[in-house]
Protein backbone atom coordinates (compact mmCIF):
# COMPACT_ATOMS: atom_id res chain seq x y z
CA MET A 1 11.37 -14.47 -15.13
CA ARG A 2 10.66 -12.79 -11.77
CA SER A 3 8.38 -9.81 -11.68
CA LEU A 4 9.30 -6.71 -10.01
CA PRO A 5 7.86 -5.84 -6.56
CA ARG A 6 4.80 -3.54 -6.82
CA ALA A 7 1.44 -2.90 -5.10
CA VAL A 8 -1.39 -5.00 -6.45
CA HIS A 9 -4.72 -3.14 -7.47
CA PRO A 10 -6.83 -3.10 -4.27
CA GLY A 11 -9.92 -3.91 -6.25
CA ALA A 12 -8.43 -7.22 -7.24
CA TRP A 13 -7.86 -8.21 -3.75
CA TRP A 14 -11.41 -7.34 -2.84
CA LEU A 15 -12.84 -9.35 -5.65
CA TRP A 16 -10.54 -12.26 -4.67
CA ALA A 17 -11.70 -12.15 -0.99
CA LEU A 18 -15.46 -11.72 -1.92
CA GLY A 19 -15.20 -14.74 -4.09
CA LEU A 20 -13.66 -16.59 -1.18
CA ALA A 21 -16.39 -15.40 1.20
CA THR A 22 -19.04 -16.51 -1.18
CA ALA A 23 -17.50 -19.92 -1.52
CA ALA A 24 -17.40 -20.16 2.44
CA SER A 25 -21.15 -19.16 2.53
CA ARG A 26 -22.12 -22.11 0.35
CA THR A 27 -20.81 -24.77 2.56
CA THR A 28 -20.71 -26.15 6.18
CA ASN A 29 -18.03 -28.68 5.49
CA PRO A 30 -15.26 -28.16 8.14
CA ILE A 31 -12.61 -29.61 5.67
CA ILE A 32 -13.43 -27.08 2.94
CA LEU A 33 -13.88 -24.12 5.40
CA ALA A 34 -10.55 -24.84 7.07
CA LEU A 35 -8.85 -25.11 3.63
CA ILE A 36 -10.43 -21.78 2.46
CA ALA A 37 -9.10 -19.94 5.64
CA THR A 38 -5.89 -21.62 5.20
CA ALA A 39 -5.58 -20.42 1.56
CA ALA A 40 -6.43 -16.98 2.67
CA GLY A 41 -3.75 -17.04 5.35
CA VAL A 42 -1.15 -18.33 2.98
CA VAL A 43 -1.79 -15.55 0.51
CA VAL A 44 -1.62 -12.88 3.32
CA ALA A 45 1.67 -14.40 4.55
CA ARG A 46 3.26 -14.18 1.17
CA ARG A 47 1.90 -10.87 -0.20
CA ARG A 48 1.15 -8.54 2.78
CA THR A 49 3.29 -5.57 3.42
CA ASP A 50 4.52 -4.06 6.82
CA ALA A 51 2.01 -1.39 6.67
CA PRO A 52 -0.42 -0.86 9.56
CA TRP A 53 -3.44 -2.29 7.99
CA ALA A 54 -1.57 -5.57 7.24
CA LEU A 55 -1.00 -6.12 10.88
CA ALA A 56 -4.92 -6.53 11.55
CA PHE A 57 -5.23 -10.03 10.08
CA ARG A 58 -4.23 -11.52 13.44
CA LEU A 59 -7.28 -9.79 14.93
CA TYR A 60 -9.52 -11.27 12.42
CA LEU A 61 -8.26 -14.69 13.23
CA ILE A 62 -8.82 -14.14 17.00
CA LEU A 63 -12.24 -12.80 16.12
CA GLY A 64 -13.03 -15.91 14.10
CA ALA A 65 -12.02 -18.25 17.00
CA LEU A 66 -14.31 -16.29 19.30
CA ILE A 67 -17.21 -16.69 17.02
CA VAL A 68 -16.58 -20.53 17.02
CA THR A 69 -16.20 -20.70 20.72
CA SER A 70 -19.41 -18.60 21.27
CA ARG A 71 -21.53 -20.65 18.94
CA LEU A 72 -20.41 -23.85 20.87
CA LEU A 73 -21.18 -22.22 24.22
CA PHE A 74 -24.45 -21.23 22.93
CA ARG A 75 -25.35 -24.76 21.94
CA VAL A 76 -24.35 -25.96 25.36
CA ILE A 77 -26.03 -23.29 27.31
CA PHE A 78 -29.31 -23.13 25.37
CA GLY A 79 -29.89 -26.93 24.90
CA GLY A 80 -27.51 -29.31 23.16
CA GLY A 81 -29.48 -32.37 23.56
CA GLY A 82 -31.11 -32.55 20.32
CA GLY A 83 -29.48 -35.73 19.18
CA THR A 84 -28.94 -39.40 20.01
CA HIS A 85 -25.25 -39.26 20.91
CA ILE A 86 -25.25 -37.68 24.42
CA LEU A 87 -21.84 -36.54 25.36
CA VAL A 88 -22.25 -35.23 28.84
CA SER A 89 -25.48 -34.54 31.20
CA LEU A 90 -25.43 -31.06 32.72
CA PRO A 91 -27.80 -30.19 35.36
CA GLU A 92 -30.69 -28.39 33.83
CA ILE A 93 -31.96 -25.23 35.22
CA PRO A 94 -35.72 -24.92 35.52
CA LEU A 95 -37.49 -21.95 33.92
CA PRO A 96 -40.98 -20.42 34.28
CA ALA A 97 -43.92 -21.20 32.21
CA TRP A 98 -43.70 -18.13 29.91
CA ALA A 99 -40.19 -19.30 28.74
CA ALA A 100 -41.55 -22.57 27.35
CA GLY A 101 -39.15 -23.86 24.49
CA ILE A 102 -35.98 -22.53 26.07
CA ARG A 103 -33.86 -24.86 28.03
CA LEU A 104 -30.72 -23.85 30.15
CA PHE A 105 -28.04 -26.60 30.08
CA GLY A 106 -29.12 -30.32 30.20
CA PRO A 107 -27.92 -33.12 28.07
CA VAL A 108 -25.34 -32.09 25.53
CA ALA A 109 -25.49 -34.16 22.15
CA ALA A 110 -22.81 -34.53 19.75
CA GLU A 111 -25.08 -33.40 16.73
CA GLU A 112 -25.94 -30.09 18.35
CA LEU A 113 -22.18 -29.39 18.92
CA LEU A 114 -21.25 -30.24 15.45
CA ALA A 115 -24.02 -28.12 14.11
CA GLY A 116 -22.78 -25.14 16.24
CA LEU A 117 -19.14 -25.87 15.13
CA TYR A 118 -20.11 -25.97 11.45
CA ASP A 119 -22.21 -22.56 11.60
CA GLY A 120 -19.35 -20.94 13.58
CA LEU A 121 -16.80 -22.12 11.14
CA ARG A 122 -18.67 -20.83 8.14
CA LEU A 123 -19.00 -17.38 9.69
CA ALA A 124 -15.41 -17.36 10.94
CA THR A 125 -14.13 -18.18 7.47
CA MET A 126 -16.21 -15.52 5.82
CA LEU A 127 -14.76 -13.16 8.40
CA VAL A 128 -11.11 -14.25 7.70
CA CYS A 129 -11.51 -13.77 3.98
CA LEU A 130 -12.64 -10.14 4.58
CA GLY A 131 -9.74 -9.76 6.90
CA ALA A 132 -7.45 -10.95 4.21
CA ALA A 133 -8.68 -8.24 1.92
CA ASN A 134 -8.27 -5.63 4.52
CA ALA A 135 -4.76 -6.81 5.26
CA LEU A 136 -3.69 -6.93 1.54
CA ALA A 137 -5.35 -3.95 0.02
CA ASN A 138 -4.52 -0.26 0.88
CA PRO A 139 -7.79 1.11 2.35
CA LYS A 140 -6.79 4.60 1.15
CA ARG A 141 -6.26 3.60 -2.27
CA LEU A 142 -9.78 2.27 -2.45
CA LEU A 143 -11.22 5.84 -2.21
CA LYS A 144 -10.01 6.39 -5.80
CA LEU A 145 -12.15 3.55 -6.98
CA VAL A 146 -15.46 4.86 -5.60
CA PRO A 147 -17.69 6.58 -8.27
CA ALA A 148 -17.70 10.46 -7.95
CA ALA A 149 -21.52 10.35 -6.83
CA LEU A 150 -20.64 8.23 -3.84
CA TYR A 151 -17.43 10.08 -2.86
CA GLU A 152 -18.82 11.06 0.50
CA ALA A 153 -20.18 7.63 1.42
CA GLY A 154 -17.07 6.01 0.07
CA THR A 155 -14.89 8.22 2.26
CA ALA A 156 -16.90 7.14 5.34
CA VAL A 157 -16.63 3.49 4.45
CA ILE A 158 -12.76 3.89 3.95
CA VAL A 159 -12.35 5.53 7.32
CA ALA A 160 -14.51 2.74 8.97
CA LEU A 161 -12.42 -0.02 7.34
CA SER A 162 -9.20 1.61 8.45
CA VAL A 163 -10.29 1.88 12.09
CA ALA A 164 -9.13 -1.81 12.98
CA PRO A 165 -5.76 -1.69 11.32
CA GLN A 166 -5.10 1.66 13.10
CA LEU A 167 -6.13 0.14 16.42
CA ALA A 168 -3.84 -2.81 15.87
CA GLU A 169 -1.00 -0.54 15.14
CA SER A 170 -1.72 1.54 18.24
CA VAL A 171 -1.90 -1.55 20.36
CA LEU A 172 1.48 -2.82 19.26
CA ARG A 173 3.05 0.68 19.61
CA VAL A 174 1.77 0.93 23.31
CA ARG A 175 2.94 -2.61 24.15
CA ARG A 176 6.41 -1.85 22.77
CA ALA A 177 6.52 1.45 24.80
CA ARG A 178 5.52 -0.47 27.99
CA ARG A 179 8.19 -3.04 27.38
CA LEU A 180 10.86 -0.23 26.94
CA ARG A 181 9.70 1.33 30.15
CA GLY A 182 10.04 -2.04 32.04
CA GLY A 183 6.26 -2.75 32.31
CA ALA A 184 5.71 -6.37 32.96
CA GLY A 185 2.15 -6.61 34.12
CA LYS A 186 -0.18 -9.13 32.94
CA GLY A 187 -3.93 -9.67 32.97
CA VAL A 188 -6.52 -7.01 33.83
CA ARG A 189 -3.88 -4.48 34.98
CA ALA A 190 -1.96 -4.74 31.73
CA LEU A 191 -5.20 -4.57 29.76
CA ARG A 192 -5.99 -1.30 31.61
CA ALA A 193 -2.49 0.10 31.00
CA ILE A 194 -2.96 -0.65 27.23
CA LEU A 195 -6.56 0.38 26.68
CA LEU A 196 -6.53 3.92 27.82
CA PRO A 197 -3.39 5.03 25.61
CA VAL A 198 -4.95 3.21 22.62
CA LEU A 199 -8.26 5.03 23.13
CA ALA A 200 -6.47 8.31 23.43
CA ASP A 201 -4.46 7.64 20.40
CA ALA A 202 -7.76 6.77 18.26
CA LEU A 203 -9.36 10.11 19.52
CA ASP A 204 -6.27 12.07 18.47
CA ARG A 205 -6.34 10.32 15.03
CA SER A 206 -10.13 11.13 14.51
CA LEU A 207 -9.51 14.82 15.37
CA THR A 208 -6.40 14.97 12.92
CA LEU A 209 -8.57 13.26 10.26
CA ALA A 210 -11.46 15.74 10.82
CA ALA A 211 -9.07 18.87 10.70
CA ALA A 212 -7.48 17.43 7.43
CA MET A 213 -10.96 16.73 5.87
CA ASP A 214 -12.21 20.25 6.77
CA ALA A 215 -9.01 21.84 5.40
CA ARG A 216 -9.50 20.14 2.19
CA GLY A 217 -13.01 21.46 1.69
CA TYR A 218 -14.67 17.88 2.19
CA ALA A 219 -18.47 17.64 1.51
CA ARG A 220 -18.78 21.09 -0.13
CA ALA A 221 -21.87 21.52 -2.15
CA GLY A 222 -20.16 22.62 -5.20
CA THR A 223 -21.70 24.82 -8.11
CA THR A 224 -24.51 22.45 -9.24
CA PRO A 225 -27.88 24.08 -9.25
CA LYS A 226 -30.38 22.68 -6.69
CA PRO A 227 -32.89 21.52 -9.36
CA ILE A 228 -30.18 19.17 -10.72
CA ARG A 229 -29.25 17.89 -7.30
CA TYR A 230 -32.91 17.31 -6.43
CA ALA A 231 -33.61 15.52 -9.82
CA ALA A 232 -30.39 13.20 -9.31
CA GLY A 233 -31.44 12.35 -5.64
CA ALA A 234 -35.03 11.61 -6.94
CA LEU A 235 -33.57 9.31 -9.68
CA VAL A 236 -31.26 7.41 -7.25
CA VAL A 237 -33.97 6.86 -4.61
CA THR A 238 -36.69 5.76 -7.27
CA GLY A 239 -34.11 3.49 -8.95
CA LEU A 240 -33.02 1.78 -5.54
CA LEU A 241 -36.79 1.13 -4.84
CA GLY A 242 -37.35 -0.31 -8.17
CA VAL A 243 -34.25 -2.64 -7.67
CA CYS A 244 -35.73 -3.86 -4.18
CA VAL A 245 -39.13 -4.52 -5.64
CA GLY A 246 -37.35 -6.32 -8.62
CA VAL A 247 -35.18 -8.41 -6.36
CA TYR A 248 -38.39 -9.39 -4.29
CA GLY A 249 -40.24 -10.24 -7.53
CA LEU A 250 -37.44 -12.56 -8.62
CA LEU A 251 -37.12 -14.33 -5.28
CA ASP A 252 -41.02 -14.67 -4.79
CA ALA A 253 -42.58 -17.09 -7.19
CA THR A 254 -46.09 -15.71 -6.36
CA THR A 255 -45.17 -12.24 -7.56
CA PRO A 256 -46.29 -11.24 -10.96
CA ARG A 257 -43.64 -11.44 -13.68
CA PRO A 258 -43.62 -7.83 -14.57
CA LEU A 259 -42.54 -6.92 -11.06
CA GLY A 260 -39.28 -9.27 -11.44
CA LEU A 261 -36.60 -8.82 -13.98
CA PRO A 262 -38.10 -5.71 -15.90
CA LEU A 263 -38.66 -3.60 -12.89
CA LEU A 264 -35.01 -4.67 -11.60
CA ALA A 265 -33.48 -3.58 -15.03
CA ALA A 266 -35.49 -0.40 -14.98
CA GLY A 267 -34.62 0.60 -11.35
CA GLY A 268 -30.88 -0.19 -11.95
CA THR A 269 -30.96 2.11 -15.14
CA LEU A 270 -32.69 4.97 -13.13
CA ALA A 271 -30.15 4.49 -10.14
CA ALA A 272 -27.30 4.56 -12.57
CA ALA A 273 -28.46 7.65 -14.45
CA GLY A 274 -29.05 9.36 -10.84
CA LEU A 275 -25.45 8.45 -10.00
CA LEU A 276 -24.03 9.90 -13.12
CA LEU A 277 -25.97 13.06 -12.84
CA SER A 278 -24.94 13.61 -9.28
CA GLY A 279 -21.43 12.89 -9.92
CA ARG A 280 -20.85 15.86 -12.00
CA ARG A 281 -20.81 18.16 -9.02
CA VAL A 282 -17.65 16.41 -7.67
CA ARG A 283 -14.40 17.53 -9.16
CA ARG A 284 -11.35 15.66 -8.18
CA SER A 285 -7.92 14.47 -9.80
CA ARG A 286 -6.10 11.32 -9.60
CA TYR A 287 -2.39 11.05 -8.93
CA ARG A 288 -0.67 7.86 -10.14
CA PRO A 289 -3.72 5.62 -10.51
CA ASP A 290 -3.30 2.04 -9.79
CA PRO A 291 -2.59 -0.15 -12.89
CA TRP A 292 -4.74 -3.18 -13.64
CA ARG A 293 -2.57 -5.84 -15.31
CA LEU A 294 -2.38 -9.59 -15.80
CA PRO A 295 -1.85 -10.43 -12.14
CA GLU A 296 -4.93 -8.45 -11.00
CA THR A 297 -7.12 -10.24 -13.64
CA LEU A 298 -5.84 -13.56 -12.48
CA THR A 299 -6.34 -12.62 -8.88
CA ALA A 300 -9.92 -11.48 -9.48
CA LEU A 301 -10.63 -14.65 -11.64
CA ALA A 302 -9.11 -16.84 -8.80
CA GLY A 303 -11.65 -15.58 -6.28
CA VAL A 304 -14.58 -15.57 -8.78
CA GLY A 305 -13.73 -19.01 -9.81
CA THR A 306 -13.61 -20.38 -6.23
CA GLY A 307 -17.09 -19.09 -5.67
CA ALA A 308 -18.35 -20.54 -8.88
CA LEU A 309 -16.81 -23.86 -8.31
CA LEU A 310 -18.54 -24.05 -4.97
CA VAL A 311 -21.89 -22.94 -6.51
CA ALA A 312 -21.40 -25.66 -9.02
CA THR A 313 -20.73 -28.11 -6.34
CA ALA A 314 -23.98 -27.25 -4.62
CA THR A 315 -25.87 -28.24 -7.72
CA VAL A 316 -23.90 -31.37 -8.50
CA ASP A 317 -23.05 -32.75 -5.18
CA PRO A 318 -24.70 -30.88 -2.37
CA ALA A 319 -24.15 -33.66 0.34
CA ASN A 320 -20.48 -32.92 -0.18
CA LEU A 321 -20.91 -29.32 1.05
CA TYR A 322 -23.22 -30.12 3.93
CA PRO A 323 -22.21 -33.02 5.88
CA SER A 324 -25.15 -35.06 7.47
CA LEU A 325 -25.74 -34.65 11.14
CA SER A 326 -28.44 -37.28 11.41
CA PRO A 327 -27.05 -39.72 10.99
CA LEU A 328 -23.44 -38.51 11.68
CA THR A 329 -21.14 -38.83 8.68
CA TRP A 330 -17.56 -37.82 8.13
CA PRO A 331 -16.98 -34.78 5.90
CA GLN A 332 -15.51 -35.54 2.55
CA LEU A 333 -13.46 -33.43 0.26
CA GLY A 334 -14.70 -33.67 -3.36
CA LEU A 335 -12.79 -32.89 -6.72
CA LEU A 336 -14.58 -29.49 -7.36
CA PRO A 337 -13.86 -28.19 -3.97
CA ALA A 338 -10.19 -29.34 -4.14
CA PHE A 339 -9.81 -27.27 -7.36
CA ALA A 340 -11.60 -24.24 -5.68
CA ILE A 341 -9.03 -24.40 -2.88
CA ALA A 342 -6.10 -24.40 -5.32
CA ALA A 343 -7.66 -21.52 -7.12
CA ALA A 344 -8.04 -19.62 -3.91
CA ALA A 345 -4.35 -19.98 -2.96
CA ALA A 346 -3.14 -19.22 -6.49
CA PRO A 347 -2.67 -15.36 -6.02
CA ALA A 348 0.19 -16.17 -3.45
CA TRP A 349 2.37 -17.06 -6.58
CA LEU A 350 0.53 -15.31 -9.51
CA THR A 351 0.87 -11.76 -8.05
CA PRO A 352 4.19 -9.81 -7.85
CA PRO A 353 5.86 -9.45 -4.33
CA PRO A 354 5.03 -6.51 -2.22
CA PRO A 355 7.28 -3.41 -2.37
CA THR A 356 9.74 -3.20 0.62
CA SER A 357 9.39 -0.52 3.25
CA ILE A 358 11.04 2.90 2.65
CA GLY A 359 13.63 2.32 5.30
CA ALA A 360 14.80 -1.02 4.13
CA PRO A 361 18.55 -1.28 3.69
CA ALA A 362 19.85 -1.37 0.06
CA PRO A 363 21.57 -4.62 -1.09
CA VAL A 364 25.38 -4.50 -0.65
CA ALA A 365 27.61 -5.19 -3.59
CA SER A 366 29.77 -8.17 -3.74
CA PRO A 367 33.34 -7.63 -2.57
CA GLU A 368 34.82 -9.65 -5.38
CA ARG A 369 33.30 -7.37 -7.92
CA THR A 370 34.08 -4.03 -6.19
CA ARG A 371 37.12 -2.09 -7.57
CA VAL A 372 38.68 0.93 -6.00
CA VAL A 373 40.02 3.42 -8.51
CA VAL A 374 42.71 5.83 -7.15
């Protein structure tokens, strides 16, 4: 039975994307990284809408390609000869004595280029995963998921996340208008003709947003007494400090045990109490909350399962996740990473199709079943 079109809960998409980004951070295998990015692209292609934020995924792909290219150029410019397989020897630029340890150009080795390629692919894949969540999840609906105590900070984060989709929409609209006016310039001249209207549109959007937030009473203090607000702030700050010290105690083996897990739990409890206490001053209503159903659960489990499988692979077969550079070996795809890739692409078929746009034409009835009554 085919499910009806509806919007998937934005929290499910972000949990899925964070799981994929965690999986990408655990490996430098180019095969696994390329398959994770491909799985994210397949899900975006099948489940994104025609909303403005869904058009920004291409920008994340371009940014990922720029990251990989910059890492390779960095290896070539600042010394790529740390290996035995020399690909090309570039003229080395001599540097003064105070710049000892830094080399400009010189011999370029395959090992250094592959190391830069692997690191760039890992960072680019993580960026693509987050871009997939930004393209699939409605950033405005994420504001309803933020706790009441973090309403102001959550609004700032949501506005920041929606900047890239809005810029993508502005670029497409300006390019379309230039084509309608007969503008055929390319290169720097076309970039200048597009950049100024886009910046002007971004400024107009920011002014409109500021006026709308001011009209709705954003960031008003409320009726909560000052002692309660001060107590809530003190609890949050103290709790966060305890969390920081507890995390440091868990990561550092030389730190006494009481400064580890007990302090982390106590700090988390104080921070949660402060958030609950400060959240009482925010009064907001919710209209048509997003439902969390079976597709959302399966999507979140797919992302978490992908990250868990890569973490398990790191303990069982770490050589599969980090191909050797000395000596050079071909990257391999193991069984657990293959299951992780399959789980990453599963939401493309496990989630319902996105709703059509408001202006989409309605389906026309079949002429054989149409009867005219006189």
